[in-house]
C-alpha atoms as a PDB file:
ATOM      1  CA  MET A   1      -5.759 139.185-123.419  1.00  0.00           C
ATOM      2  CA  ALA A   2      -8.332 136.542-122.321  1.00  0.00           C
ATOM      3  CA  ARG A   3     -11.363 136.051-124.485  1.00  0.00           C
ATOM      4  CA  ARG A   4     -14.584 137.073-122.682  1.00  0.00           C
ATOM      5  CA  GLU A   5     -17.777 135.233-123.722  1.00  0.00           C
ATOM      6  CA  PRO A   6     -20.913 137.385-123.888  1.00  0.00           C
ATOM      7  CA  GLU A   7     -23.770 136.875-121.484  1.00  0.00           C
ATOM      8  CA  CYS A   8     -26.405 134.320-122.617  1.00  0.00           C
ATOM      9  CA  ASN A   9     -29.833 134.556-121.225  1.00  0.00           C
ATOM     10  CA  GLY A  10     -28.462 136.196-118.038  1.00  0.00           C
ATOM     11  CA  THR A  11     -25.774 133.496-117.549  1.00  0.00           C
ATOM     12  CA  LYS A  12     -22.188 134.864-117.342  1.00  0.00           C
ATOM     13  CA  SER A  13     -19.233 132.767-118.521  1.00  0.00           C
ATOM     14  CA  ILE A  14     -16.501 133.082-115.866  1.00  0.00           C
ATOM     15  CA  PRO A  15     -13.361 130.999-115.199  1.00  0.00           C
ATOM     16  CA  ALA A  16     -13.389 128.701-112.234  1.00  0.00           C
ATOM     17  CA  ARG A  17     -11.243 129.808-109.326  1.00  0.00           C
ATOM     18  CA  ASP A  18     -10.399 128.445-105.902  1.00  0.00           C
ATOM     19  CA  LEU A  19     -12.296 125.193-106.399  1.00  0.00           C
ATOM     20  CA  ALA A  20     -12.325 122.603-103.637  1.00  0.00           C
ATOM     21  CA  PRO A  21      -9.821 119.775-104.272  1.00  0.00           C
ATOM     22  CA  ASP A  22     -12.613 117.090-104.543  1.00  0.00           C
ATOM     23  CA  LEU A  23     -14.475 119.197-107.135  1.00  0.00           C
ATOM     24  CA  SER A  24     -11.295 119.699-109.108  1.00  0.00           C
ATOM     25  CA  GLU A  25     -10.753 115.953-109.050  1.00  0.00           C
ATOM     26  CA  GLN A  26     -14.285 115.359-110.154  1.00  0.00           C
ATOM     27  CA  ILE A  27     -13.874 117.751-113.091  1.00  0.00           C
ATOM     28  CA  VAL A  28     -10.786 115.923-114.155  1.00  0.00           C
ATOM     29  CA  ARG A  29     -12.387 112.528-113.943  1.00  0.00           C
ATOM     30  CA  VAL A  30     -15.578 113.643-115.835  1.00  0.00           C
ATOM     31  CA  SER A  31     -13.473 115.306-118.583  1.00  0.00           C
ATOM     32  CA  LEU A  32     -11.196 112.314-119.065  1.00  0.00           C
ATOM     33  CA  ALA A  33     -14.124 109.931-119.144  1.00  0.00           C
ATOM     34  CA  ALA A  34     -15.861 111.994-121.809  1.00  0.00           C
ATOM     35  CA  TYR A  35     -12.599 112.212-123.830  1.00  0.00           C
ATOM     36  CA  ARG A  36     -12.017 108.410-123.686  1.00  0.00           C
ATOM     37  CA  ALA A  37     -15.784 107.588-124.340  1.00  0.00           C
ATOM     38  CA  MET A  38     -15.632 109.541-127.609  1.00  0.00           C
ATOM     39  CA  GLY A  39     -12.428 107.675-128.650  1.00  0.00           C
ATOM     40  CA  LEU A  40     -10.448 110.987-128.855  1.00  0.00           C
ATOM     41  CA  ARG A  41      -6.706 111.115-129.032  1.00  0.00           C
ATOM     42  CA  ASP A  42      -4.039 113.763-129.498  1.00  0.00           C
ATOM     43  CA  TYR A  43      -5.285 117.217-128.378  1.00  0.00           C
ATOM     44  CA  GLY A  44      -8.757 118.397-127.514  1.00  0.00           C
ATOM     45  CA  ARG A  45     -10.747 120.450-125.120  1.00  0.00           C
ATOM     46  CA  ILE A  46     -13.856 119.486-123.045  1.00  0.00           C
ATOM     47  CA  ASP A  47     -16.131 122.397-122.220  1.00  0.00           C
ATOM     48  CA  LEU A  48     -18.273 122.158-119.159  1.00  0.00           C
ATOM     49  CA  ARG A  49     -20.521 124.026-116.768  1.00  0.00           C
ATOM     50  CA  LEU A  50     -20.579 123.679-113.080  1.00  0.00           C
ATOM     51  CA  HIS A  51     -24.154 123.088-111.820  1.00  0.00           C
ATOM     52  CA  PRO A  52     -24.640 124.001-108.156  1.00  0.00           C
ATOM     53  CA  GLU A  53     -26.391 120.696-107.437  1.00  0.00           C
ATOM     54  CA  ARG A  54     -25.354 118.310-110.197  1.00  0.00           C
ATOM     55  CA  GLY A  55     -21.687 119.203-110.484  1.00  0.00           C
ATOM     56  CA  PRO A  56     -19.708 119.393-113.735  1.00  0.00           C
ATOM     57  CA  LEU A  57     -21.871 118.973-116.909  1.00  0.00           C
ATOM     58  CA  ILE A  58     -20.284 118.327-120.265  1.00  0.00           C
ATOM     59  CA  LEU A  59     -21.336 120.901-122.942  1.00  0.00           C
ATOM     60  CA  GLU A  60     -19.144 119.917-125.952  1.00  0.00           C
ATOM     61  CA  SER A  61     -15.688 118.793-127.054  1.00  0.00           C
ATOM     62  CA  THR A  62     -13.443 120.734-129.326  1.00  0.00           C
ATOM     63  CA  LEU A  63     -10.871 118.738-131.266  1.00  0.00           C
ATOM     64  CA  THR A  64      -7.591 120.146-132.581  1.00  0.00           C
ATOM     65  CA  LEU A  65      -6.405 117.862-135.409  1.00  0.00           C
ATOM     66  CA  ILE A  66      -2.770 116.991-135.885  1.00  0.00           C
ATOM     67  CA  TYR A  67      -2.010 117.062-139.615  1.00  0.00           C
ATOM     68  CA  ARG A  68       0.500 114.605-141.025  1.00  0.00           C
ATOM     69  CA  PRO A  69       1.195 113.770-144.705  1.00  0.00           C
ATOM     70  CA  VAL A  70      -0.983 111.061-146.032  1.00  0.00           C
ATOM     71  CA  ARG A  71       0.073 108.708-148.810  1.00  0.00           C
ATOM     72  CA  ALA A  72      -2.367 108.831-151.844  1.00  0.00           C
ATOM     73  CA  LEU A  73      -1.974 105.082-152.484  1.00  0.00           C
ATOM     74  CA  PRO A  74      -0.068 102.654-150.402  1.00  0.00           C
ATOM     75  CA  GLY A  75       3.365 101.989-151.910  1.00  0.00           C
ATOM     76  CA  ARG A  76       3.202 104.743-154.487  1.00  0.00           C
ATOM     77  CA  GLY A  77       5.374 107.120-152.502  1.00  0.00           C
ATOM     78  CA  GLU A  78       3.083 110.110-153.354  1.00  0.00           C
ATOM     79  CA  GLU A  79       2.284 112.335-150.422  1.00  0.00           C
ATOM     80  CA  ARG A  80      -0.755 114.550-150.175  1.00  0.00           C
ATOM     81  CA  ASN A  81      -0.700 117.434-147.808  1.00  0.00           C
ATOM     82  CA  ASP A  82      -4.185 118.790-149.003  1.00  0.00           C
ATOM     83  CA  LEU A  83      -6.270 116.375-146.984  1.00  0.00           C
END
């Protein structure tokens, strides 16, 4: 079941549907530019709002970290998974 966000000061959170192709492309360009400008890699999510006059506005980014074992000291062979 999809998560529904509560109303906030009269503003409803709804998924975008049936967007014009040029608006969809603008959303992709803005999101990728924000992702790259923040130096992100791996997986993340860019949250935005569509303003009727100004187009897509970035609200925040949400990162999903990819955990890998990290060596405690270089060359010691000890791995730490608690970082």
